[in-house]
C-alpha atoms as a PDB file:
ATOM      1  CA  MET A   1     -25.705  -4.383 -17.578  1.00  0.00           C
ATOM      2  CA  PRO A   2     -24.341  -7.959 -17.436  1.00  0.00           C
ATOM      3  CA  VAL A   3     -25.397 -10.023 -14.412  1.00  0.00           C
ATOM      4  CA  PHE A   4     -23.834 -13.410 -13.603  1.00  0.00           C
ATOM      5  CA  THR A   5     -24.741 -16.026 -11.000  1.00  0.00           C
ATOM      6  CA  THR A   6     -21.715 -16.322  -8.704  1.00  0.00           C
ATOM      7  CA  PRO A   7     -22.505 -18.081  -5.407  1.00  0.00           C
ATOM      8  CA  GLN A   8     -18.782 -18.255  -4.556  1.00  0.00           C
ATOM      9  CA  PRO A   9     -15.934 -15.710  -4.746  1.00  0.00           C
ATOM     10  CA  ILE A  10     -14.668 -15.248  -8.291  1.00  0.00           C
ATOM     11  CA  THR A  11     -11.483 -14.178 -10.057  1.00  0.00           C
ATOM     12  CA  VAL A  12     -11.601 -10.888 -11.952  1.00  0.00           C
ATOM     13  CA  ARG A  13      -9.253  -9.723 -14.694  1.00  0.00           C
ATOM     14  CA  LEU A  14      -9.482  -6.012 -15.539  1.00  0.00           C
ATOM     15  CA  ASP A  15      -7.718  -4.562 -18.582  1.00  0.00           C
ATOM     16  CA  LEU A  16      -8.619  -0.879 -18.535  1.00  0.00           C
ATOM     17  CA  PRO A  17      -6.033   1.332 -20.237  1.00  0.00           C
ATOM     18  CA  VAL A  18      -7.594   4.639 -19.177  1.00  0.00           C
ATOM     19  CA  GLY A  19     -10.531   5.361 -16.910  1.00  0.00           C
ATOM     20  CA  ASP A  20     -11.988   4.669 -13.506  1.00  0.00           C
ATOM     21  CA  ALA A  21     -12.851   1.353 -11.843  1.00  0.00           C
ATOM     22  CA  ARG A  22     -14.916   0.798  -8.717  1.00  0.00           C
ATOM     23  CA  ILE A  23     -15.142  -2.642  -7.124  1.00  0.00           C
ATOM     24  CA  ILE A  24     -17.734  -3.365  -4.432  1.00  0.00           C
ATOM     25  CA  ALA A  25     -17.510  -6.675  -2.551  1.00  0.00           C
ATOM     26  CA  GLY A  26     -20.280  -7.917  -0.308  1.00  0.00           C
ATOM     27  CA  ASP A  27     -22.455 -10.792   0.865  1.00  0.00           C
ATOM     28  CA  ARG A  28     -24.100 -11.675  -2.444  1.00  0.00           C
ATOM     29  CA  ALA A  29     -24.545 -14.586  -4.881  1.00  0.00           C
ATOM     30  CA  ASP A  30     -24.261 -12.687  -8.148  1.00  0.00           C
ATOM     31  CA  THR A  31     -21.902 -10.334  -9.969  1.00  0.00           C
ATOM     32  CA  VAL A  32     -23.073  -7.160 -11.687  1.00  0.00           C
ATOM     33  CA  VAL A  33     -20.956  -5.194 -14.162  1.00  0.00           C
ATOM     34  CA  GLU A  34     -21.669  -1.672 -15.370  1.00  0.00           C
ATOM     35  CA  VAL A  35     -19.651   0.019 -18.117  1.00  0.00           C
ATOM     36  CA  HIS A  36     -20.064   3.695 -18.969  1.00  0.00           C
ATOM     37  CA  PRO A  37     -18.091   6.231 -20.987  1.00  0.00           C
ATOM     38  CA  GLY A  38     -15.723   8.328 -18.931  1.00  0.00           C
ATOM     39  CA  ASN A  39     -17.351  11.412 -20.437  1.00  0.00           C
ATOM     40  CA  PRO A  40     -20.755  10.752 -22.045  1.00  0.00           C
ATOM     41  CA  GLY A  41     -20.277  13.880 -24.137  1.00  0.00           C
ATOM     42  CA  LYS A  42     -17.111  12.601 -25.806  1.00  0.00           C
ATOM     43  CA  LYS A  43     -17.488  10.438 -28.894  1.00  0.00           C
ATOM     44  CA  HIS A  44     -14.288   8.479 -28.241  1.00  0.00           C
ATOM     45  CA  ASP A  45     -15.370   7.653 -24.685  1.00  0.00           C
ATOM     46  CA  VAL A  46     -18.790   6.457 -25.849  1.00  0.00           C
ATOM     47  CA  GLU A  47     -17.187   4.245 -28.498  1.00  0.00           C
ATOM     48  CA  ALA A  48     -14.691   2.845 -25.975  1.00  0.00           C
ATOM     49  CA  ALA A  49     -17.519   1.904 -23.589  1.00  0.00           C
ATOM     50  CA  GLU A  50     -19.420   0.209 -26.425  1.00  0.00           C
ATOM     51  CA  ARG A  51     -16.335  -1.794 -27.416  1.00  0.00           C
ATOM     52  CA  THR A  52     -15.513  -2.901 -23.866  1.00  0.00           C
ATOM     53  CA  THR A  53     -16.046  -6.652 -23.506  1.00  0.00           C
ATOM     54  CA  VAL A  54     -17.358  -8.471 -20.430  1.00  0.00           C
ATOM     55  CA  ASP A  55     -16.929 -12.256 -20.393  1.00  0.00           C
ATOM     56  CA  TYR A  56     -17.594 -14.766 -17.630  1.00  0.00           C
ATOM     57  CA  SER A  57     -16.629 -18.438 -17.712  1.00  0.00           C
ATOM     58  CA  GLY A  58     -15.362 -20.980 -15.197  1.00  0.00           C
ATOM     59  CA  ASN A  59     -15.607 -18.652 -12.207  1.00  0.00           C
ATOM     60  CA  ARG A  60     -13.468 -16.072 -14.039  1.00  0.00           C
ATOM     61  CA  LEU A  61     -14.665 -12.630 -15.107  1.00  0.00           C
ATOM     62  CA  VAL A  62     -12.696 -10.728 -17.755  1.00  0.00           C
ATOM     63  CA  ILE A  63     -13.385  -7.069 -18.497  1.00  0.00           C
ATOM     64  CA  ARG A  64     -11.346  -5.626 -21.333  1.00  0.00           C
ATOM     65  CA  ALA A  65     -11.532  -2.086 -22.698  1.00  0.00           C
ATOM     66  CA  PRO A  66      -9.996  -1.216 -26.079  1.00  0.00           C
ATOM     67  CA  SER A  67      -6.439   0.058 -26.042  1.00  0.00           C
ATOM     68  CA  THR A  68      -5.994   3.789 -26.241  1.00  0.00           C
ATOM     69  CA  LYS A  69      -3.151   6.159 -26.949  1.00  0.00           C
ATOM     70  CA  SER A  70      -2.379   9.210 -24.862  1.00  0.00           C
ATOM     71  CA  SER A  71      -1.522  12.434 -26.627  1.00  0.00           C
ATOM     72  CA  LEU A  72      -0.108  15.840 -25.756  1.00  0.00           C
ATOM     73  CA  PHE A  73      -3.643  17.211 -26.018  1.00  0.00           C
ATOM     74  CA  GLY A  74      -5.246  14.794 -23.565  1.00  0.00           C
ATOM     75  CA  ARG A  75      -6.308  11.172 -23.304  1.00  0.00           C
ATOM     76  CA  SER A  76      -8.145   9.870 -26.344  1.00  0.00           C
ATOM     77  CA  SER A  77     -10.785   7.772 -24.571  1.00  0.00           C
ATOM     78  CA  SER A  78     -11.733   6.490 -21.123  1.00  0.00           C
ATOM     79  CA  VAL A  79     -14.352   4.264 -19.510  1.00  0.00           C
ATOM     80  CA  ARG A  80     -15.924   3.926 -16.066  1.00  0.00           C
ATOM     81  CA  VAL A  81     -16.466   0.415 -14.754  1.00  0.00           C
ATOM     82  CA  THR A  82     -18.339  -0.675 -11.624  1.00  0.00           C
ATOM     83  CA  VAL A  83     -18.240  -4.304 -10.471  1.00  0.00           C
ATOM     84  CA  GLU A  84     -20.358  -5.638  -7.598  1.00  0.00           C
ATOM     85  CA  LEU A  85     -19.271  -9.141  -6.598  1.00  0.00           C
ATOM     86  CA  PRO A  86     -19.024 -11.666  -3.733  1.00  0.00           C
ATOM     87  CA  ALA A  87     -16.688 -10.891  -0.847  1.00  0.00           C
ATOM     88  CA  GLY A  88     -13.345 -12.691  -1.024  1.00  0.00           C
ATOM     89  CA  SER A  89     -13.033 -12.382  -4.807  1.00  0.00           C
ATOM     90  CA  THR A  90      -9.549 -11.887  -6.233  1.00  0.00           C
ATOM     91  CA  ILE A  91      -8.560  -9.064  -8.570  1.00  0.00           C
ATOM     92  CA  GLN A  92      -5.888  -8.715 -11.233  1.00  0.00           C
ATOM     93  CA  ALA A  93      -5.908  -5.283 -12.872  1.00  0.00           C
ATOM     94  CA  ASP A  94      -3.664  -3.813 -15.563  1.00  0.00           C
ATOM     95  CA  ALA A  95      -3.940  -0.223 -16.717  1.00  0.00           C
ATOM     96  CA  GLN A  96      -1.996   2.688 -18.140  1.00  0.00           C
ATOM     97  CA  TRP A  97      -3.849   5.506 -16.399  1.00  0.00           C
ATOM     98  CA  THR A  98      -6.821   4.264 -14.375  1.00  0.00           C
ATOM     99  CA  THR A  99      -7.929   5.074 -10.844  1.00  0.00           C
ATOM    100  CA  PHE A 100      -9.128   2.131  -8.750  1.00  0.00           C
ATOM    101  CA  SER A 101     -11.270   2.111  -5.622  1.00  0.00           C
ATOM    102  CA  THR A 102     -12.656  -0.854  -3.695  1.00  0.00           C
ATOM    103  CA  GLU A 103     -15.217  -1.348  -0.950  1.00  0.00           C
ATOM    104  CA  GLY A 104     -15.651  -4.454   1.175  1.00  0.00           C
ATOM    105  CA  ARG A 105     -13.402  -7.470   1.660  1.00  0.00           C
ATOM    106  CA  LEU A 106     -11.444  -8.823  -1.297  1.00  0.00           C
ATOM    107  CA  GLY A 107      -9.070 -11.759  -1.622  1.00  0.00           C
ATOM    108  CA  ASP A 108      -5.534 -11.487  -2.976  1.00  0.00           C
ATOM    109  CA  CYS A 109      -5.130  -8.563  -5.380  1.00  0.00           C
ATOM    110  CA  ARG A 110      -2.673  -7.396  -8.005  1.00  0.00           C
ATOM    111  CA  PHE A 111      -2.790  -3.888  -9.511  1.00  0.00           C
ATOM    112  CA  THR A 112      -0.647  -2.187 -12.145  1.00  0.00           C
ATOM    113  CA  THR A 113      -1.654   1.359 -13.039  1.00  0.00           C
ATOM    114  CA  GLY A 114      -0.627   4.970 -13.429  1.00  0.00           C
ATOM    115  CA  GLY A 115      -3.394   6.368 -11.271  1.00  0.00           C
ATOM    116  CA  GLU A 116      -4.615   6.643  -7.708  1.00  0.00           C
ATOM    117  CA  VAL A 117      -5.559   3.438  -5.871  1.00  0.00           C
ATOM    118  CA  ARG A 118      -7.783   3.220  -2.781  1.00  0.00           C
ATOM    119  CA  ILE A 119      -8.440  -0.201  -1.271  1.00  0.00           C
ATOM    120  CA  ASP A 120     -10.711  -1.020   1.647  1.00  0.00           C
ATOM    121  CA  ARG A 121      -9.838  -4.608   2.659  1.00  0.00           C
ATOM    122  CA  THR A 122      -7.729  -7.074   0.717  1.00  0.00           C
ATOM    123  CA  GLY A 123      -5.787 -10.274   1.142  1.00  0.00           C
ATOM    124  CA  ALA A 124      -2.165 -10.351   0.020  1.00  0.00           C
ATOM    125  CA  LEU A 125      -1.435  -7.347  -2.192  1.00  0.00           C
ATOM    126  CA  TRP A 126       0.964  -6.582  -5.032  1.00  0.00           C
ATOM    127  CA  LEU A 127       0.633  -3.070  -6.406  1.00  0.00           C
ATOM    128  CA  ASN A 128       2.587  -0.860  -8.789  1.00  0.00           C
ATOM    129  CA  SER A 129       1.424   2.705  -9.442  1.00  0.00           C
ATOM    130  CA  SER A 130       3.632   5.116 -11.374  1.00  0.00           C
ATOM    131  CA  VAL A 131       1.688   8.241 -10.347  1.00  0.00           C
ATOM    132  CA  GLY A 132      -0.904   8.880  -7.650  1.00  0.00           C
ATOM    133  CA  ASP A 133      -1.599   8.163  -4.003  1.00  0.00           C
ATOM    134  CA  VAL A 134      -1.966   4.604  -2.725  1.00  0.00           C
ATOM    135  CA  VAL A 135      -4.302   4.114   0.251  1.00  0.00           C
ATOM    136  CA  VAL A 136      -5.005   0.690   1.786  1.00  0.00           C
ATOM    137  CA  GLU A 137      -7.117   0.320   4.915  1.00  0.00           C
ATOM    138  CA  HIS A 138      -6.341  -3.333   5.722  1.00  0.00           C
ATOM    139  CA  ALA A 139      -4.248  -6.056   4.082  1.00  0.00           C
ATOM    140  CA  ASP A 140      -4.652  -9.598   5.392  1.00  0.00           C
ATOM    141  CA  GLY A 141      -1.326 -11.025   4.240  1.00  0.00           C
ATOM    142  CA  ASP A 142       1.926  -9.836   2.727  1.00  0.00           C
ATOM    143  CA  VAL A 143       2.132  -6.546   0.852  1.00  0.00           C
ATOM    144  CA  GLU A 144       4.437  -5.281  -1.883  1.00  0.00           C
ATOM    145  CA  VAL A 145       3.787  -1.730  -3.059  1.00  0.00           C
ATOM    146  CA  THR A 146       5.825   0.302  -5.539  1.00  0.00           C
ATOM    147  CA  ALA A 147       4.867   3.934  -6.116  1.00  0.00           C
ATOM    148  CA  GLY A 148       6.449   6.407  -8.500  1.00  0.00           C
ATOM    149  CA  SER A 149       5.038   9.602  -7.065  1.00  0.00           C
ATOM    150  CA  GLY A 150       2.480  10.153  -4.328  1.00  0.00           C
ATOM    151  CA  GLN A 151       1.762   9.171  -0.756  1.00  0.00           C
ATOM    152  CA  VAL A 152       1.534   5.538   0.356  1.00  0.00           C
ATOM    153  CA  ARG A 153      -0.744   4.944   3.368  1.00  0.00           C
ATOM    154  CA  ILE A 154      -1.552   1.477   4.716  1.00  0.00           C
ATOM    155  CA  GLY A 155      -3.643   1.159   7.853  1.00  0.00           C
ATOM    156  CA  GLU A 156      -2.769  -2.420   8.797  1.00  0.00           C
ATOM    157  CA  ILE A 157      -0.679  -5.254   7.374  1.00  0.00           C
ATOM    158  CA  THR A 158      -1.105  -8.624   9.070  1.00  0.00           C
ATOM    159  CA  GLY A 159       1.917 -10.082   7.264  1.00  0.00           C
ATOM    160  CA  GLY A 160       5.190  -8.630   6.067  1.00  0.00           C
ATOM    161  CA  GLY A 161       5.587  -5.734   3.694  1.00  0.00           C
ATOM    162  CA  VAL A 162       7.873  -4.097   1.151  1.00  0.00           C
ATOM    163  CA  ILE A 163       7.039  -0.491   0.271  1.00  0.00           C
ATOM    164  CA  ARG A 164       9.013   1.538  -2.254  1.00  0.00           C
ATOM    165  CA  ASN A 165       8.251   5.131  -3.148  1.00  0.00           C
ATOM    166  CA  SER A 166      10.322   7.228  -5.528  1.00  0.00           C
ATOM    167  CA  SER A 167       8.922  10.526  -4.280  1.00  0.00           C
ATOM    168  CA  GLY A 168       6.470  10.764  -1.402  1.00  0.00           C
ATOM    169  CA  SER A 169       5.849   9.806   2.193  1.00  0.00           C
ATOM    170  CA  CYS A 170       5.078   6.310   3.515  1.00  0.00           C
ATOM    171  CA  TRP A 171       2.825   5.552   6.489  1.00  0.00           C
ATOM    172  CA  VAL A 172       1.867   2.216   8.045  1.00  0.00           C
ATOM    173  CA  GLY A 173      -0.511   2.113  10.991  1.00  0.00           C
ATOM    174  CA  ARG A 174       0.370  -1.390  12.154  1.00  0.00           C
ATOM    175  CA  ALA A 175       2.626  -4.083  10.707  1.00  0.00           C
ATOM    176  CA  GLY A 176       2.349  -7.659  11.913  1.00  0.00           C
ATOM    177  CA  GLY A 177       5.464  -8.959  10.143  1.00  0.00           C
ATOM    178  CA  ASP A 178       8.805  -7.577   9.052  1.00  0.00           C
ATOM    179  CA  VAL A 179       8.493  -4.481   6.859  1.00  0.00           C
ATOM    180  CA  ARG A 180      10.912  -2.653   4.574  1.00  0.00           C
ATOM    181  CA  LEU A 181      10.205   0.916   3.489  1.00  0.00           C
ATOM    182  CA  ASN A 182      12.240   3.025   1.104  1.00  0.00           C
ATOM    183  CA  THR A 183      11.663   6.467  -0.385  1.00  0.00           C
ATOM    184  CA  ALA A 184      14.000   8.879  -2.129  1.00  0.00           C
ATOM    185  CA  SER A 185      12.233  11.923  -0.725  1.00  0.00           C
ATOM    186  CA  GLY A 186       9.613  11.838   2.014  1.00  0.00           C
ATOM    187  CA  HIS A 187       8.865  10.940   5.612  1.00  0.00           C
ATOM    188  CA  ILE A 188       8.472   7.344   6.806  1.00  0.00           C
ATOM    189  CA  THR A 189       6.157   6.487   9.705  1.00  0.00           C
ATOM    190  CA  VAL A 190       5.174   3.161  11.271  1.00  0.00           C
ATOM    191  CA  ASP A 191       2.841   3.697  14.210  1.00  0.00           C
ATOM    192  CA  ARG A 192       3.174   0.156  15.553  1.00  0.00           C
ATOM    193  CA  ALA A 193       5.559  -2.600  14.487  1.00  0.00           C
ATOM    194  CA  ASP A 194       5.089  -6.114  15.858  1.00  0.00           C
ATOM    195  CA  ALA A 195       8.298  -7.306  14.151  1.00  0.00           C
ATOM    196  CA  GLY A 196      11.394  -5.863  12.476  1.00  0.00           C
ATOM    197  CA  VAL A 197      11.543  -2.632  10.478  1.00  0.00           C
ATOM    198  CA  GLU A 198      14.008  -1.476   7.842  1.00  0.00           C
ATOM    199  CA  ALA A 199      13.462   2.087   6.635  1.00  0.00           C
ATOM    200  CA  ARG A 200      15.540   4.346   4.419  1.00  0.00           C
ATOM    201  CA  THR A 201      14.904   7.821   3.050  1.00  0.00           C
ATOM    202  CA  ALA A 202      17.325  10.232   1.421  1.00  0.00           C
ATOM    203  CA  TYR A 203      15.490  13.324   2.645  1.00  0.00           C
ATOM    204  CA  GLY A 204      12.899  12.960   5.375  1.00  0.00           C
ATOM    205  CA  GLU A 205      12.098  11.997   8.949  1.00  0.00           C
ATOM    206  CA  ILE A 206      11.659   8.437  10.195  1.00  0.00           C
ATOM    207  CA  ARG A 207       9.316   7.686  13.085  1.00  0.00           C
ATOM    208  CA  ILE A 208       8.517   4.292  14.618  1.00  0.00           C
ATOM    209  CA  GLY A 209       5.785   4.850  17.204  1.00  0.00           C
ATOM    210  CA  GLU A 210       6.134   1.489  18.951  1.00  0.00           C
ATOM    211  CA  VAL A 211       8.234  -1.598  18.370  1.00  0.00           C
ATOM    212  CA  SER A 212       8.293  -4.670  20.601  1.00  0.00           C
ATOM    213  CA  ARG A 213      10.717  -7.108  18.988  1.00  0.00           C
ATOM    214  CA  GLY A 214      13.020  -7.707  16.064  1.00  0.00           C
ATOM    215  CA  VAL A 215      15.719  -5.675  14.354  1.00  0.00           C
ATOM    216  CA  VAL A 216      15.112  -2.033  13.479  1.00  0.00           C
ATOM    217  CA  LYS A 217      17.416  -0.466  10.871  1.00  0.00           C
ATOM    218  CA  LEU A 218      16.780   3.191  10.071  1.00  0.00           C
ATOM    219  CA  GLU A 219      18.722   5.541   7.832  1.00  0.00           C
ATOM    220  CA  THR A 220      18.202   9.082   6.540  1.00  0.00           C
ATOM    221  CA  SER A 221      20.618  11.543   4.978  1.00  0.00           C
ATOM    222  CA  ALA A 222      18.735  14.541   6.332  1.00  0.00           C
ATOM    223  CA  GLY A 223      15.987  14.232   8.922  1.00  0.00           C
ATOM    224  CA  GLU A 224      15.166  13.298  12.497  1.00  0.00           C
ATOM    225  CA  ILE A 225      14.680   9.733  13.709  1.00  0.00           C
ATOM    226  CA  GLU A 226      12.394   8.718  16.574  1.00  0.00           C
ATOM    227  CA  VAL A 227      11.820   5.209  17.919  1.00  0.00           C
ATOM    228  CA  GLY A 228       9.385   4.178  20.653  1.00  0.00           C
ATOM    229  CA  ILE A 229      10.229   0.979  22.557  1.00  0.00           C
ATOM    230  CA  ARG A 230       7.324  -0.824  24.188  1.00  0.00           C
ATOM    231  CA  LYS A 231       7.316  -0.741  27.981  1.00  0.00           C
ATOM    232  CA  GLY A 232       9.019  -3.789  29.487  1.00  0.00           C
ATOM    233  CA  VAL A 233      11.002  -4.563  26.332  1.00  0.00           C
ATOM    234  CA  ALA A 234      14.802  -4.410  26.392  1.00  0.00           C
ATOM    235  CA  ALA A 235      16.654  -2.639  23.586  1.00  0.00           C
ATOM    236  CA  TRP A 236      20.159  -2.792  22.121  1.00  0.00           C
ATOM    237  CA  LEU A 237      21.094   0.594  20.654  1.00  0.00           C
ATOM    238  CA  ASP A 238      23.607   1.466  17.944  1.00  0.00           C
ATOM    239  CA  VAL A 239      22.687   4.993  16.882  1.00  0.00           C
ATOM    240  CA  SER A 240      24.623   7.979  15.554  1.00  0.00           C
ATOM    241  CA  THR A 241      24.123  11.285  13.763  1.00  0.00           C
ATOM    242  CA  GLY A 242      26.582  13.421  11.844  1.00  0.00           C
ATOM    243  CA  PHE A 243      25.022  16.734  12.870  1.00  0.00           C
ATOM    244  CA  GLY A 244      22.503  16.600  15.702  1.00  0.00           C
ATOM    245  CA  GLN A 245      21.876  15.128  19.137  1.00  0.00           C
ATOM    246  CA  VAL A 246      21.149  11.605  20.334  1.00  0.00           C
ATOM    247  CA  SER A 247      18.826  11.218  23.323  1.00  0.00           C
ATOM    248  CA  SER A 248      17.366   8.173  25.064  1.00  0.00           C
ATOM    249  CA  GLU A 249      14.773   7.725  27.809  1.00  0.00           C
ATOM    250  CA  LEU A 250      15.819   4.120  28.374  1.00  0.00           C
ATOM    251  CA  ASP A 251      17.719   3.033  31.468  1.00  0.00           C
ATOM    252  CA  ASP A 252      21.104   1.395  31.029  1.00  0.00           C
ATOM    253  CA  ALA A 253      20.225  -2.008  32.438  1.00  0.00           C
ATOM    254  CA  GLY A 254      23.202  -3.947  31.108  1.00  0.00           C
ATOM    255  CA  GLU A 255      22.538  -7.443  29.824  1.00  0.00           C
ATOM    256  CA  PRO A 256      18.809  -7.973  29.124  1.00  0.00           C
ATOM    257  CA  SER A 257      17.027 -10.756  30.985  1.00  0.00           C
ATOM    258  CA  GLY A 258      13.962 -12.759  30.057  1.00  0.00           C
ATOM    259  CA  ASP A 259      12.793 -13.988  26.673  1.00  0.00           C
ATOM    260  CA  PRO A 260      15.187 -12.933  23.850  1.00  0.00           C
ATOM    261  CA  ALA A 261      12.112 -12.473  21.681  1.00  0.00           C
ATOM    262  CA  ASP A 262      11.176  -9.490  23.854  1.00  0.00           C
ATOM    263  CA  THR A 263      14.268  -7.583  22.771  1.00  0.00           C
ATOM    264  CA  VAL A 264      14.663  -4.908  20.116  1.00  0.00           C
ATOM    265  CA  GLU A 265      17.888  -4.165  18.283  1.00  0.00           C
ATOM    266  CA  VAL A 266      17.947  -0.580  17.010  1.00  0.00           C
ATOM    267  CA  ARG A 267      20.483   0.621  14.451  1.00  0.00           C
ATOM    268  CA  ALA A 268      19.845   4.212  13.376  1.00  0.00           C
ATOM    269  CA  ARG A 269      21.868   6.647  11.277  1.00  0.00           C
ATOM    270  CA  SER A 270      21.132  10.251  10.371  1.00  0.00           C
ATOM    271  CA  GLY A 271      23.459  12.444   8.379  1.00  0.00           C
ATOM    272  CA  TYR A 272      21.794  15.600   9.659  1.00  0.00           C
ATOM    273  CA  GLY A 273      19.171  15.429  12.392  1.00  0.00           C
ATOM    274  CA  ASN A 274      18.423  14.433  15.971  1.00  0.00           C
ATOM    275  CA  ILE A 275      17.783  10.850  17.072  1.00  0.00           C
ATOM    276  CA  ARG A 276      15.400  10.118  19.956  1.00  0.00           C
ATOM    277  CA  ILE A 277      14.793   6.759  21.613  1.00  0.00           C
ATOM    278  CA  ASN A 278      11.922   6.665  24.090  1.00  0.00           C
ATOM    279  CA  ARG A 279       9.280   4.453  25.642  1.00  0.00           C
ATOM    280  CA  SER A 280       6.140   4.271  23.548  1.00  0.00           C
ATOM    281  CA  ARG A 281       3.254   6.239  24.969  1.00  0.00           C
END
């Protein structure tokens, strides 16, 4: 079990073709790495764990497992890695089929994998997962997430965001900057948007719980659209549906007065589905 003295946040490089990685960040002055076979009863997993290298130099930790080949009869070998390190450390991870989970506050992170990813707190985030759910509690910075299949759920983004999902729903609790969300099949939800939103789905509903400023562009081929405008904020509406009804709770007040920043421009299109514009609750 390698232990390194790390009084400051470090940079971690993880090359784990197949397996499971757990990263725990906290108030500590050392870094501890544990490597175990994915299945202690499998010879290939035991050998892969033994051949995994752990190197630390110049505030940079590199963990590299041997490459493995998937087969029709199952994965040939996998490893389990646990890293306990100082809060604020940055992560760069590359994998073919590895699940990642983090606890505590990390710095900027970059993940490429084919498995599920669950992140507690991170700085700016770039993530590409071909298969599996992506769950992020809090991102302090900009976010770019690309998912092949699975749900994408992000609790809070303090910056802007780009979220792409080939097949699955997208949910953002709160976005501080402009966000763009796109999925071929699935619902899109942003509970609270503090800036502009652009959302497109071929088949699914789009719901913006509350927006207070910026430009909102929403489009779905088949599904309902709902937008909540914050109380006291003026809104320009350009909305239409091919088959469905358009309803609005807003009063027709003519030209908006006050700060132009407190104005929302809503452009919404649905091929088949109702569109509702209301005041956020």
